């Protein structure tokens, strides 16, 4: 998680207040959490993140084209690395805080941060999340998709579908001058209809100039809580939805200490986009 030090909106000395200033200061004066101005991306920065998003989408499209039963997650890692570097970009995961590969490949009960390895062979009926982050010219874009290998059970199909719906519902809840908590509230409400658990230990996050920035974006919560969402902010929504309990643990057999697994070892799913908060609502930068 990021620092909880309270941020303040700063006006530009010598210049009159803009409509944006007035709206943010209104909520700040009411004691709400607001972004600092450095979280508002310039048009040039947004364009850089958008270009990175194009490469990131291309990586996941290439995975979608090649993924099949019988392949290893190490092969998926090579597909991602080769496509990314061939397009002048760098995989953000590779070497990040000791992460040994270019992509996260999380199968079935692995919630997130699954490490590609030659021993992990995709089987008919598996569900797998492929999570990739691109750095292009210093700009970051982050997205993940679920893939169903061949034919799976109706229960797993439903989990994958509902998790994607949670992402879409979260995006709909993210309105200019709404709050991060509105996103989590909408996601959790939908997931609970199916008696699914919404993972609480991990969250979405600001992204663009760094891998992880403010705001933190939990996928549960209450309306009107969390940071104010202001046009120009860039962040991810990436709900991790478990078929059973929301609780998770770190695999003790993972020598790197990365792989997160559902506590009851029931399947988990995740979908993710990098999003720009625009004047009309969110714009997806990782289509």
Protein backbone atom coordinates (compact mmCIF):
# COMPACT_ATOMS: atom_id res chain seq x y z
CA UNK A 1 0.00 0.00 0.00
CA UNK A 2 1.04 3.61 -0.52
CA UNK A 3 1.76 6.14 2.20
CA UNK A 4 -1.28 7.33 4.15
CA UNK A 5 0.16 10.85 4.54
CA UNK A 6 -2.70 13.25 3.84
CA UNK A 7 -2.42 14.97 0.49
CA UNK A 8 -3.65 18.45 -0.34
CA UNK A 9 -4.69 20.09 -3.57
CA UNK A 10 -2.36 22.97 -4.43
CA UNK A 11 -3.48 25.94 -6.49
CA UNK A 12 -1.15 27.68 -8.93
CA UNK A 13 0.30 30.87 -7.37
CA UNK A 14 -0.70 34.08 -9.09
CA UNK A 15 -3.45 32.45 -11.15
CA UNK A 16 -7.20 32.58 -10.54
CA UNK A 17 -8.96 29.44 -9.36
CA UNK A 18 -10.15 27.21 -12.18
CA UNK A 19 -13.40 25.27 -12.10
CA UNK A 20 -11.31 22.19 -11.36
CA UNK A 21 -9.67 23.93 -8.40
CA UNK A 22 -13.05 24.96 -7.02
CA UNK A 23 -14.51 21.45 -7.24
CA UNK A 24 -11.51 19.79 -5.59
CA UNK A 25 -11.22 22.45 -2.87
CA UNK A 26 -14.94 22.07 -2.11
CA UNK A 27 -14.40 18.43 -1.15
CA UNK A 28 -11.07 19.11 0.54
CA UNK A 29 -12.75 21.70 2.78
CA UNK A 30 -15.35 19.07 3.70
CA UNK A 31 -12.57 16.83 4.99
CA UNK A 32 -12.56 14.39 2.09
CA UNK A 33 -9.39 12.77 0.77
CA UNK A 34 -8.33 14.49 -2.45
CA UNK A 35 -5.41 13.95 -4.83
CA UNK A 36 -2.45 16.26 -4.94
CA UNK A 37 -1.95 18.03 -8.24
CA UNK A 38 1.00 15.78 -9.15
CA UNK A 39 -1.46 12.89 -9.64
CA UNK A 40 -3.11 14.75 -12.52
CA UNK A 41 -1.47 13.69 -15.76
CA UNK A 42 -0.61 16.19 -18.49
CA UNK A 43 -1.81 15.60 -22.06
CA UNK A 44 1.74 14.54 -22.99
CA UNK A 45 1.89 12.03 -20.14
CA UNK A 46 -1.53 10.64 -21.03
CA UNK A 47 -0.41 10.15 -24.60
CA UNK A 48 2.71 8.32 -23.40
CA UNK A 49 0.64 6.00 -21.19
CA UNK A 50 -1.76 5.46 -24.08
CA UNK A 51 1.12 4.35 -26.36
CA UNK A 52 2.34 1.99 -23.67
CA UNK A 53 -1.21 0.63 -23.44
CA UNK A 54 -1.19 -0.19 -27.14
CA UNK A 55 1.87 -2.41 -26.68
CA UNK A 56 0.39 -3.95 -23.52
CA UNK A 57 -2.80 -4.84 -25.38
CA UNK A 58 -0.73 -6.32 -28.19
CA UNK A 59 1.04 -8.57 -25.68
CA UNK A 60 -2.23 -9.96 -24.34
CA UNK A 61 -3.66 -10.31 -27.85
CA UNK A 62 -0.62 -12.41 -28.78
CA UNK A 63 -1.15 -14.59 -25.71
CA UNK A 64 -4.82 -15.01 -26.70
CA UNK A 65 -3.73 -16.11 -30.18
CA UNK A 66 -1.31 -18.78 -28.93
CA UNK A 67 -2.57 -20.05 -25.56
CA UNK A 68 -3.66 -23.70 -25.51
CA UNK A 69 -3.75 -26.85 -23.42
CA UNK A 70 -0.35 -28.50 -23.14
CA UNK A 71 1.72 -25.32 -23.16
CA UNK A 72 3.66 -24.21 -20.10
CA UNK A 73 3.40 -20.88 -18.37
CA UNK A 74 7.09 -20.46 -19.12
CA UNK A 75 6.12 -20.44 -22.80
CA UNK A 76 3.58 -17.70 -22.04
CA UNK A 77 6.36 -15.71 -20.38
CA UNK A 78 8.47 -15.98 -23.55
CA UNK A 79 5.57 -14.85 -25.75
CA UNK A 80 5.10 -11.78 -23.55
CA UNK A 81 8.80 -10.92 -23.33
CA UNK A 82 9.40 -11.35 -27.05
CA UNK A 83 6.40 -9.25 -28.13
CA UNK A 84 7.10 -6.50 -25.62
CA UNK A 85 10.80 -6.11 -26.43
CA UNK A 86 10.19 -6.40 -30.18
CA UNK A 87 8.01 -3.30 -29.85
CA UNK A 88 10.67 -1.27 -28.04
CA UNK A 89 9.23 -1.74 -24.54
CA UNK A 90 10.30 -3.37 -21.28
CA UNK A 91 8.35 -5.84 -19.08
CA UNK A 92 7.78 -4.02 -15.78
CA UNK A 93 7.52 -7.22 -13.73
CA UNK A 94 10.93 -8.57 -14.70
CA UNK A 95 13.16 -8.03 -11.66
CA UNK A 96 10.56 -5.92 -9.83
CA UNK A 97 11.23 -6.49 -6.11
CA UNK A 98 12.78 -9.84 -7.01
CA UNK A 99 10.01 -11.09 -9.31
CA UNK A 100 11.87 -13.46 -11.66
CA UNK A 101 9.75 -13.35 -14.84
CA UNK A 102 8.09 -10.92 -17.23
CA UNK A 103 4.44 -11.76 -16.57
CA UNK A 104 2.17 -13.12 -13.83
CA UNK A 105 0.40 -16.38 -14.75
CA UNK A 106 -2.14 -17.41 -12.11
CA UNK A 107 -3.95 -20.72 -12.60
CA UNK A 108 -7.19 -21.78 -10.89
CA UNK A 109 -6.77 -21.19 -7.10
CA UNK A 110 -3.76 -18.89 -7.59
CA UNK A 111 -5.28 -15.44 -7.09
CA UNK A 112 -2.42 -13.38 -8.50
CA UNK A 113 1.37 -13.08 -8.94
CA UNK A 114 1.74 -16.63 -10.24
CA UNK A 115 5.31 -17.18 -11.45
CA UNK A 116 5.75 -18.77 -14.89
CA UNK A 117 7.56 -22.10 -14.76
CA UNK A 118 8.16 -25.10 -16.97
CA UNK A 119 6.39 -27.37 -14.48
CA UNK A 120 3.07 -25.50 -14.89
CA UNK A 121 1.42 -27.12 -17.91
CA UNK A 122 -2.02 -25.85 -18.89
CA UNK A 123 -4.71 -28.52 -18.72
CA UNK A 124 -8.16 -28.75 -20.29
CA UNK A 125 -10.57 -26.95 -17.96
CA UNK A 126 -8.01 -24.66 -16.32
CA UNK A 127 -8.71 -20.97 -15.92
CA UNK A 128 -5.69 -18.68 -15.97
CA UNK A 129 -5.09 -14.99 -15.42
CA UNK A 130 -2.32 -13.43 -17.49
CA UNK A 131 -1.25 -10.08 -16.00
CA UNK A 132 1.28 -7.94 -17.87
CA UNK A 133 2.66 -4.44 -17.37
CA UNK A 134 4.56 -2.57 -20.09
CA UNK A 135 7.10 0.23 -19.78
CA UNK A 136 7.43 2.20 -23.01
CA UNK A 137 9.58 5.35 -23.02
CA UNK A 138 9.19 5.52 -19.25
CA UNK A 139 5.39 5.19 -19.24
CA UNK A 140 3.55 2.26 -17.63
CA UNK A 141 0.38 0.43 -18.68
CA UNK A 142 -1.05 -2.54 -16.78
CA UNK A 143 -3.80 -5.03 -17.69
CA UNK A 144 -4.82 -8.65 -17.24
CA UNK A 145 -7.20 -11.10 -18.85
CA UNK A 146 -8.70 -14.44 -17.97
CA UNK A 147 -8.41 -17.37 -20.35
CA UNK A 148 -10.42 -20.60 -20.21
CA UNK A 149 -8.44 -23.56 -21.51
CA UNK A 150 -10.73 -25.67 -23.65
CA UNK A 151 -13.99 -26.58 -21.93
CA UNK A 152 -14.30 -26.00 -18.20
CA UNK A 153 -17.02 -26.39 -15.58
CA UNK A 154 -20.12 -24.15 -15.48
CA UNK A 155 -18.95 -22.94 -12.05
CA UNK A 156 -15.60 -21.74 -13.39
CA UNK A 157 -17.26 -20.20 -16.46
CA UNK A 158 -19.59 -18.24 -14.21
CA UNK A 159 -16.72 -17.05 -12.01
CA UNK A 160 -14.78 -15.75 -15.02
CA UNK A 161 -17.87 -14.01 -16.43
CA UNK A 162 -18.97 -12.44 -13.16
CA UNK A 163 -15.45 -11.17 -12.44
CA UNK A 164 -15.40 -9.42 -15.81
CA UNK A 165 -18.80 -7.95 -14.96
CA UNK A 166 -17.30 -6.71 -11.67
CA UNK A 167 -14.61 -4.85 -13.62
CA UNK A 168 -17.21 -3.32 -15.94
CA UNK A 169 -19.48 -2.33 -13.04
CA UNK A 170 -16.49 -0.81 -11.23
CA UNK A 171 -15.66 1.25 -14.31
CA UNK A 172 -19.26 2.47 -14.54
CA UNK A 173 -19.11 3.57 -10.89
CA UNK A 174 -15.92 5.59 -11.49
CA UNK A 175 -17.32 9.03 -12.34
CA UNK A 176 -15.55 12.40 -12.25
CA UNK A 177 -15.71 13.77 -8.67
CA UNK A 178 -16.98 10.49 -7.27
CA UNK A 179 -14.85 8.52 -4.81
CA UNK A 180 -12.70 5.41 -4.89
CA UNK A 181 -15.08 3.80 -2.39
CA UNK A 182 -17.89 4.02 -4.95
CA UNK A 183 -15.93 1.59 -7.15
CA UNK A 184 -15.39 -0.95 -4.40
CA UNK A 185 -18.99 -0.72 -3.21
CA UNK A 186 -20.34 -1.49 -6.70
CA UNK A 187 -17.96 -4.40 -7.25
CA UNK A 188 -18.60 -6.00 -3.87
CA UNK A 189 -22.37 -5.66 -4.26
CA UNK A 190 -22.29 -7.55 -7.55
CA UNK A 191 -19.92 -10.27 -6.34
CA UNK A 192 -22.04 -10.92 -3.25
CA UNK A 193 -25.02 -11.81 -5.43
CA UNK A 194 -23.09 -14.96 -6.30
CA UNK A 195 -21.72 -15.51 -2.78
CA UNK A 196 -18.21 -14.83 -4.03
CA UNK A 197 -15.39 -13.42 -1.92
CA UNK A 198 -13.76 -10.13 -2.93
CA UNK A 199 -10.05 -10.25 -2.11
CA UNK A 200 -9.17 -7.51 0.39
CA UNK A 201 -5.42 -7.90 0.71
CA UNK A 202 -4.66 -6.53 -2.77
CA UNK A 203 -6.08 -3.63 -4.74
CA UNK A 204 -5.96 -1.54 -7.86
CA UNK A 205 -3.61 1.43 -7.95
CA UNK A 206 -2.48 4.55 -9.69
CA UNK A 207 -0.17 3.85 -12.62
CA UNK A 208 1.51 5.70 -15.45
CA UNK A 209 4.76 7.30 -14.35
CA UNK A 210 5.50 4.47 -11.90
CA UNK A 211 4.36 0.86 -11.55
CA UNK A 212 2.33 1.63 -8.40
CA UNK A 213 1.13 5.10 -7.44
CA UNK A 214 -1.81 6.61 -5.58
CA UNK A 215 -4.71 6.15 -5.37
CA UNK A 216 -5.12 2.71 -3.85
CA UNK A 217 -8.30 1.23 -5.36
CA UNK A 218 -9.83 -1.47 -3.09
CA UNK A 219 -12.52 -3.63 -4.66
CA UNK A 220 -14.76 -3.44 -1.61
CA UNK A 221 -15.86 -0.43 0.40
CA UNK A 222 -18.45 2.22 1.04
CA UNK A 223 -19.78 5.00 -1.14
CA UNK A 224 -18.23 8.40 -0.57
CA UNK A 225 -15.05 7.04 1.00
CA UNK A 226 -11.51 6.98 -0.31
CA UNK A 227 -9.84 9.49 -2.60
CA UNK A 228 -11.79 11.88 -4.81
CA UNK A 229 -11.54 10.90 -8.49
CA UNK A 230 -10.48 13.87 -10.59
CA UNK A 231 -10.15 14.16 -14.38
CA UNK A 232 -6.56 13.48 -15.41
CA UNK A 233 -5.94 10.69 -12.89
CA UNK A 234 -4.79 7.30 -14.25
CA UNK A 235 -5.34 4.10 -12.27
CA UNK A 236 -6.22 0.43 -12.53
CA UNK A 237 -9.33 -1.42 -11.49
CA UNK A 238 -8.50 -5.13 -11.13
CA UNK A 239 -11.01 -7.07 -9.02
CA UNK A 240 -9.80 -10.42 -7.70
CA UNK A 241 -12.90 -12.52 -7.05
CA UNK A 242 -12.77 -15.88 -5.27
CA UNK A 243 -15.34 -18.63 -5.65
CA UNK A 244 -15.27 -19.06 -1.87
CA UNK A 245 -13.70 -17.01 0.91
CA UNK A 246 -12.01 -13.68 0.25
CA UNK A 247 -9.07 -14.71 2.41
CA UNK A 248 -5.73 -15.59 0.83
CA UNK A 249 -2.28 -16.84 1.74
CA UNK A 250 1.23 -16.81 0.27
CA UNK A 251 2.45 -20.17 -1.01
CA UNK A 252 5.19 -21.30 1.40
CA UNK A 253 6.73 -23.43 -1.34
CA UNK A 254 7.26 -20.36 -3.54
CA UNK A 255 10.93 -19.46 -3.01
CA UNK A 256 10.25 -15.89 -4.14
CA UNK A 257 7.29 -15.28 -1.79
CA UNK A 258 5.01 -13.95 -4.52
CA UNK A 259 2.22 -16.40 -5.33
CA UNK A 260 -1.09 -15.56 -3.63
CA UNK A 261 -3.60 -18.42 -3.24
CA UNK A 262 -7.21 -18.49 -2.06
CA UNK A 263 -7.36 -19.74 1.53
CA UNK A 264 -9.84 -22.52 0.74
CA UNK A 265 -8.02 -23.23 -2.56
CA UNK A 266 -11.16 -22.68 -4.61
CA UNK A 267 -10.74 -21.00 -8.01
CA UNK A 268 -10.15 -17.26 -8.35
CA UNK A 269 -10.44 -14.88 -11.29
CA UNK A 270 -9.25 -11.36 -12.14
CA UNK A 271 -9.67 -8.85 -14.96
CA UNK A 272 -7.83 -5.53 -15.15
CA UNK A 273 -7.60 -2.34 -17.19
CA UNK A 274 -5.55 0.84 -16.97
CA UNK A 275 -8.04 3.72 -16.97
CA UNK A 276 -7.95 7.46 -17.52
CA UNK A 277 -10.47 9.51 -15.57
CA UNK A 278 -11.79 11.77 -18.32
CA UNK A 279 -14.43 14.51 -18.16
CA UNK A 280 -17.20 12.06 -19.11
CA UNK A 281 -16.03 9.02 -17.13
CA UNK A 282 -13.24 6.49 -17.47
CA UNK A 283 -11.47 5.81 -20.75
CA UNK A 284 -9.77 2.44 -21.16
CA UNK A 285 -6.09 2.81 -22.11
CA UNK A 286 -5.45 -0.93 -22.42
CA UNK A 287 -7.97 -2.02 -25.07
